[in-house]
Amino acid sequence: MFKSLLTDEGGAQVVEYALIIAIISIVLVIALQPATIAASIDTVLTRVADCLAGNGCA
């Protein structure tokens, strides 16, 4: 019974595709993080500059 489970390769392709999708997802999250952080910093700096210029603080 256990030998047949160990030698059965029917679900191997599904596992491989899942691993590929997981790796691509991790790479995308890591690659897009700096853009998100840069946008957040830019927003903060813009708000500070507007506040210092007297344009109103939000």
PDB file of N, CA and C in Angstrom:
ATOM      1  N   MET A   1       0.826  -1.194   0.000  1.00  0.00           N
ATOM      2  CA  MET A   1       0.000   0.000   0.000  1.00  0.00           C
ATOM      3  C   MET A   1       0.872   1.260   0.000  1.00  0.00           C
ATOM      4  N   PHE A   2       1.863   1.315   0.891  1.00  0.00           N
ATOM      5  CA  PHE A   2       2.709   2.490   0.962  1.00  0.00           C
ATOM      6  C   PHE A   2       3.669   2.585  -0.219  1.00  0.00           C
ATOM      7  N   LYS A   3       4.062   1.442  -0.769  1.00  0.00           N
ATOM      8  CA  LYS A   3       4.949   1.459  -1.928  1.00  0.00           C
ATOM      9  C   LYS A   3       4.260   2.108  -3.115  1.00  0.00           C
ATOM     10  N   SER A   4       2.982   1.831  -3.273  1.00  0.00           N
ATOM     11  CA  SER A   4       2.263   2.434  -4.397  1.00  0.00           C
ATOM     12  C   SER A   4       2.125   3.940  -4.212  1.00  0.00           C
ATOM     13  N   LEU A   5       1.988   4.402  -2.974  1.00  0.00           N
ATOM     14  CA  LEU A   5       1.914   5.840  -2.728  1.00  0.00           C
ATOM     15  C   LEU A   5       3.251   6.526  -3.002  1.00  0.00           C
ATOM     16  N   LEU A   6       4.334   5.852  -2.661  1.00  0.00           N
ATOM     17  CA  LEU A   6       5.655   6.440  -2.861  1.00  0.00           C
ATOM     18  C   LEU A   6       6.068   6.466  -4.324  1.00  0.00           C
ATOM     19  N   THR A   7       5.600   5.518  -5.103  1.00  0.00           N
ATOM     20  CA  THR A   7       5.995   5.458  -6.508  1.00  0.00           C
ATOM     21  C   THR A   7       5.010   6.152  -7.434  1.00  0.00           C
ATOM     22  N   ASP A   8       3.851   6.532  -6.928  1.00  0.00           N
ATOM     23  CA  ASP A   8       2.851   7.212  -7.754  1.00  0.00           C
ATOM     24  C   ASP A   8       3.301   8.642  -8.020  1.00  0.00           C
ATOM     25  N   GLU A   9       3.413   9.019  -9.283  1.00  0.00           N
ATOM     26  CA  GLU A   9       3.872  10.352  -9.657  1.00  0.00           C
ATOM     27  C   GLU A   9       2.763  11.166 -10.313  1.00  0.00           C
ATOM     28  N   GLY A  10       1.532  10.790 -10.082  1.00  0.00           N
ATOM     29  CA  GLY A  10       0.410  11.472 -10.717  1.00  0.00           C
ATOM     30  C   GLY A  10       0.259  12.923 -10.306  1.00  0.00           C
ATOM     31  N   GLY A  11       0.539  13.249  -9.066  1.00  0.00           N
ATOM     32  CA  GLY A  11       0.378  14.618  -8.591  1.00  0.00           C
ATOM     33  C   GLY A  11       1.659  15.421  -8.608  1.00  0.00           C
ATOM     34  N   ALA A  12       2.720  14.875  -9.166  1.00  0.00           N
ATOM     35  CA  ALA A  12       4.017  15.556  -9.149  1.00  0.00           C
ATOM     36  C   ALA A  12       3.988  16.849  -9.959  1.00  0.00           C
ATOM     37  N   GLN A  13       3.295  16.854 -11.078  1.00  0.00           N
ATOM     38  CA  GLN A  13       3.249  18.060 -11.905  1.00  0.00           C
ATOM     39  C   GLN A  13       2.509  19.182 -11.197  1.00  0.00           C
ATOM     40  N   VAL A  14       1.459  18.851 -10.480  1.00  0.00           N
ATOM     41  CA  VAL A  14       0.709  19.869  -9.752  1.00  0.00           C
ATOM     42  C   VAL A  14       1.588  20.502  -8.681  1.00  0.00           C
ATOM     43  N   VAL A  15       2.366  19.698  -8.001  1.00  0.00           N
ATOM     44  CA  VAL A  15       3.265  20.211  -6.973  1.00  0.00           C
ATOM     45  C   VAL A  15       4.332  21.094  -7.606  1.00  0.00           C
ATOM     46  N   GLU A  16       4.857  20.694  -8.747  1.00  0.00           N
ATOM     47  CA  GLU A  16       5.868  21.500  -9.430  1.00  0.00           C
ATOM     48  C   GLU A  16       5.298  22.847  -9.856  1.00  0.00           C
ATOM     49  N   TYR A  17       4.095  22.852 -10.405  1.00  0.00           N
ATOM     50  CA  TYR A  17       3.466  24.113 -10.798  1.00  0.00           C
ATOM     51  C   TYR A  17       3.207  24.995  -9.581  1.00  0.00           C
ATOM     52  N   ALA A  18       2.789  24.403  -8.489  1.00  0.00           N
ATOM     53  CA  ALA A  18       2.545  25.176  -7.270  1.00  0.00           C
ATOM     54  C   ALA A  18       3.837  25.804  -6.756  1.00  0.00           C
ATOM     55  N   LEU A  19       4.939  25.062  -6.815  1.00  0.00           N
ATOM     56  CA  LEU A  19       6.226  25.608  -6.388  1.00  0.00           C
ATOM     57  C   LEU A  19       6.678  26.745  -7.293  1.00  0.00           C
ATOM     58  N   ILE A  20       6.481  26.598  -8.590  1.00  0.00           N
ATOM     59  CA  ILE A  20       6.857  27.655  -9.531  1.00  0.00           C
ATOM     60  C   ILE A  20       6.049  28.917  -9.260  1.00  0.00           C
ATOM     61  N   ILE A  21       4.748  28.768  -9.055  1.00  0.00           N
ATOM     62  CA  ILE A  21       3.893  29.924  -8.773  1.00  0.00           C
ATOM     63  C   ILE A  21       4.295  30.577  -7.453  1.00  0.00           C
ATOM     64  N   ALA A  22       4.627  29.777  -6.451  1.00  0.00           N
ATOM     65  CA  ALA A  22       5.048  30.325  -5.166  1.00  0.00           C
ATOM     66  C   ALA A  22       6.346  31.111  -5.299  1.00  0.00           C
ATOM     67  N   ILE A  23       7.295  30.587  -6.054  1.00  0.00           N
ATOM     68  CA  ILE A  23       8.570  31.281  -6.245  1.00  0.00           C
ATOM     69  C   ILE A  23       8.366  32.584  -7.006  1.00  0.00           C
ATOM     70  N   ILE A  24       7.551  32.560  -8.048  1.00  0.00           N
ATOM     71  CA  ILE A  24       7.271  33.777  -8.809  1.00  0.00           C
ATOM     72  C   ILE A  24       6.589  34.811  -7.921  1.00  0.00           C
ATOM     73  N   SER A  25       5.664  34.381  -7.077  1.00  0.00           N
ATOM     74  CA  SER A  25       4.975  35.303  -6.174  1.00  0.00           C
ATOM     75  C   SER A  25       5.942  35.950  -5.195  1.00  0.00           C
ATOM     76  N   ILE A  26       6.845  35.162  -4.640  1.00  0.00           N
ATOM     77  CA  ILE A  26       7.825  35.706  -3.701  1.00  0.00           C
ATOM     78  C   ILE A  26       8.736  36.711  -4.392  1.00  0.00           C
ATOM     79  N   VAL A  27       9.173  36.398  -5.603  1.00  0.00           N
ATOM     80  CA  VAL A  27      10.036  37.316  -6.356  1.00  0.00           C
ATOM     81  C   VAL A  27       9.299  38.621  -6.648  1.00  0.00           C
ATOM     82  N   LEU A  28       8.030  38.539  -7.025  1.00  0.00           N
ATOM     83  CA  LEU A  28       7.257  39.750  -7.299  1.00  0.00           C
ATOM     84  C   LEU A  28       7.082  40.606  -6.051  1.00  0.00           C
ATOM     85  N   VAL A  29       6.811  39.987  -4.923  1.00  0.00           N
ATOM     86  CA  VAL A  29       6.659  40.749  -3.678  1.00  0.00           C
ATOM     87  C   VAL A  29       7.956  41.455  -3.328  1.00  0.00           C
ATOM     88  N   ILE A  30       9.068  40.762  -3.459  1.00  0.00           N
ATOM     89  CA  ILE A  30      10.363  41.369  -3.149  1.00  0.00           C
ATOM     90  C   ILE A  30      10.697  42.471  -4.151  1.00  0.00           C
ATOM     91  N   ALA A  31      10.382  42.267  -5.413  1.00  0.00           N
ATOM     92  CA  ALA A  31      10.715  43.252  -6.448  1.00  0.00           C
ATOM     93  C   ALA A  31       9.858  44.505  -6.336  1.00  0.00           C
ATOM     94  N   LEU A  32       8.615  44.361  -5.930  1.00  0.00           N
ATOM     95  CA  LEU A  32       7.717  45.513  -5.880  1.00  0.00           C
ATOM     96  C   LEU A  32       7.766  46.260  -4.554  1.00  0.00           C
ATOM     97  N   GLN A  33       8.412  45.722  -3.556  1.00  0.00           N
ATOM     98  CA  GLN A  33       8.488  46.378  -2.263  1.00  0.00           C
ATOM     99  C   GLN A  33       9.188  47.731  -2.317  1.00  0.00           C
ATOM    100  N   PRO A  34      10.333  47.889  -2.971  1.00  0.00           N
ATOM    101  CA  PRO A  34      10.982  49.203  -3.011  1.00  0.00           C
ATOM    102  C   PRO A  34      10.107  50.275  -3.649  1.00  0.00           C
ATOM    103  N   ALA A  35       9.335  49.930  -4.656  1.00  0.00           N
ATOM    104  CA  ALA A  35       8.459  50.913  -5.295  1.00  0.00           C
ATOM    105  C   ALA A  35       7.398  51.392  -4.315  1.00  0.00           C
ATOM    106  N   THR A  36       6.863  50.497  -3.525  1.00  0.00           N
ATOM    107  CA  THR A  36       5.849  50.859  -2.542  1.00  0.00           C
ATOM    108  C   THR A  36       6.447  51.723  -1.449  1.00  0.00           C
ATOM    109  N   ILE A  37       7.635  51.361  -0.986  1.00  0.00           N
ATOM    110  CA  ILE A  37       8.294  52.138   0.059  1.00  0.00           C
ATOM    111  C   ILE A  37       8.654  53.522  -0.467  1.00  0.00           C
ATOM    112  N   ALA A  38       9.156  53.600  -1.687  1.00  0.00           N
ATOM    113  CA  ALA A  38       9.519  54.890  -2.273  1.00  0.00           C
ATOM    114  C   ALA A  38       8.293  55.778  -2.425  1.00  0.00           C
ATOM    115  N   ALA A  39       7.163  55.205  -2.831  1.00  0.00           N
ATOM    116  CA  ALA A  39       5.934  55.984  -2.970  1.00  0.00           C
ATOM    117  C   ALA A  39       5.472  56.496  -1.614  1.00  0.00           C
ATOM    118  N   SER A  40       5.599  55.698  -0.578  1.00  0.00           N
ATOM    119  CA  SER A  40       5.204  56.115   0.768  1.00  0.00           C
ATOM    120  C   SER A  40       6.090  57.247   1.266  1.00  0.00           C
ATOM    121  N   ILE A  41       7.384  57.131   1.052  1.00  0.00           N
ATOM    122  CA  ILE A  41       8.311  58.184   1.471  1.00  0.00           C
ATOM    123  C   ILE A  41       8.031  59.463   0.702  1.00  0.00           C
ATOM    124  N   ASP A  42       7.768  59.345  -0.589  1.00  0.00           N
ATOM    125  CA  ASP A  42       7.457  60.516  -1.407  1.00  0.00           C
ATOM    126  C   ASP A  42       6.193  61.206  -0.908  1.00  0.00           C
ATOM    127  N   THR A  43       5.189  60.438  -0.531  1.00  0.00           N
ATOM    128  CA  THR A  43       3.948  61.011  -0.009  1.00  0.00           C
ATOM    129  C   THR A  43       4.205  61.762   1.290  1.00  0.00           C
ATOM    130  N   VAL A  44       4.988  61.183   2.177  1.00  0.00           N
ATOM    131  CA  VAL A  44       5.300  61.834   3.454  1.00  0.00           C
ATOM    132  C   VAL A  44       6.072  63.120   3.215  1.00  0.00           C
ATOM    133  N   LEU A  45       7.069  63.081   2.348  1.00  0.00           N
ATOM    134  CA  LEU A  45       7.858  64.283   2.076  1.00  0.00           C
ATOM    135  C   LEU A  45       7.016  65.375   1.430  1.00  0.00           C
ATOM    136  N   THR A  46       6.095  65.005   0.558  1.00  0.00           N
ATOM    137  CA  THR A  46       5.204  65.983  -0.065  1.00  0.00           C
ATOM    138  C   THR A  46       4.311  66.629   0.980  1.00  0.00           C
ATOM    139  N   ARG A  47       3.781  65.848   1.895  1.00  0.00           N
ATOM    140  CA  ARG A  47       2.927  66.404   2.956  1.00  0.00           C
ATOM    141  C   ARG A  47       3.712  67.350   3.858  1.00  0.00           C
ATOM    142  N   VAL A  48       4.934  66.980   4.203  1.00  0.00           N
ATOM    143  CA  VAL A  48       5.767  67.839   5.045  1.00  0.00           C
ATOM    144  C   VAL A  48       6.085  69.137   4.311  1.00  0.00           C
ATOM    145  N   ALA A  49       6.426  69.046   3.035  1.00  0.00           N
ATOM    146  CA  ALA A  49       6.734  70.248   2.256  1.00  0.00           C
ATOM    147  C   ALA A  49       5.516  71.152   2.145  1.00  0.00           C
ATOM    148  N   ASP A  50       4.343  70.592   1.920  1.00  0.00           N
ATOM    149  CA  ASP A  50       3.121  71.396   1.850  1.00  0.00           C
ATOM    150  C   ASP A  50       2.835  72.069   3.184  1.00  0.00           C
ATOM    151  N   CYS A  51       3.045  71.347   4.256  1.00  0.00           N
ATOM    152  CA  CYS A  51       2.788  71.893   5.580  1.00  0.00           C
ATOM    153  C   CYS A  51       3.755  73.041   5.891  1.00  0.00           C
ATOM    154  N   LEU A  52       5.020  72.868   5.535  1.00  0.00           N
ATOM    155  CA  LEU A  52       6.014  73.912   5.783  1.00  0.00           C
ATOM    156  C   LEU A  52       5.803  75.126   4.890  1.00  0.00           C
ATOM    157  N   ALA A  53       5.247  74.909   3.708  1.00  0.00           N
ATOM    158  CA  ALA A  53       5.011  76.013   2.780  1.00  0.00           C
ATOM    159  C   ALA A  53       3.743  76.785   3.133  1.00  0.00           C
ATOM    160  N   GLY A  54       2.979  76.293   4.081  1.00  0.00           N
ATOM    161  CA  GLY A  54       1.764  76.983   4.485  1.00  0.00           C
ATOM    162  C   GLY A  54       0.564  76.641   3.629  1.00  0.00           C
ATOM    163  N   ASN A  55       0.626  75.572   2.882  1.00  0.00           N
ATOM    164  CA  ASN A  55      -0.487  75.170   2.026  1.00  0.00           C
ATOM    165  C   ASN A  55      -1.520  74.339   2.775  1.00  0.00           C
ATOM    166  N   GLY A  56      -1.355  74.192   4.041  1.00  0.00           N
ATOM    167  CA  GLY A  56      -2.294  73.402   4.835  1.00  0.00           C
ATOM    168  C   GLY A  56      -1.743  72.025   5.112  1.00  0.00           C
ATOM    169  N   CYS A  57      -1.961  71.587   6.314  1.00  0.00           N
ATOM    170  CA  CYS A  57      -1.503  70.262   6.725  1.00  0.00           C
ATOM    171  C   CYS A  57      -2.685  69.305   6.721  1.00  0.00           C
ATOM    172  N   ALA A  58      -2.489  68.167   6.109  1.00  0.00           N
ATOM    173  CA  ALA A  58      -3.592  67.199   6.044  1.00  0.00           C
ATOM    174  C   ALA A  58      -3.339  66.046   6.965  1.00  0.00           C
TER     175      ALA A  58
END
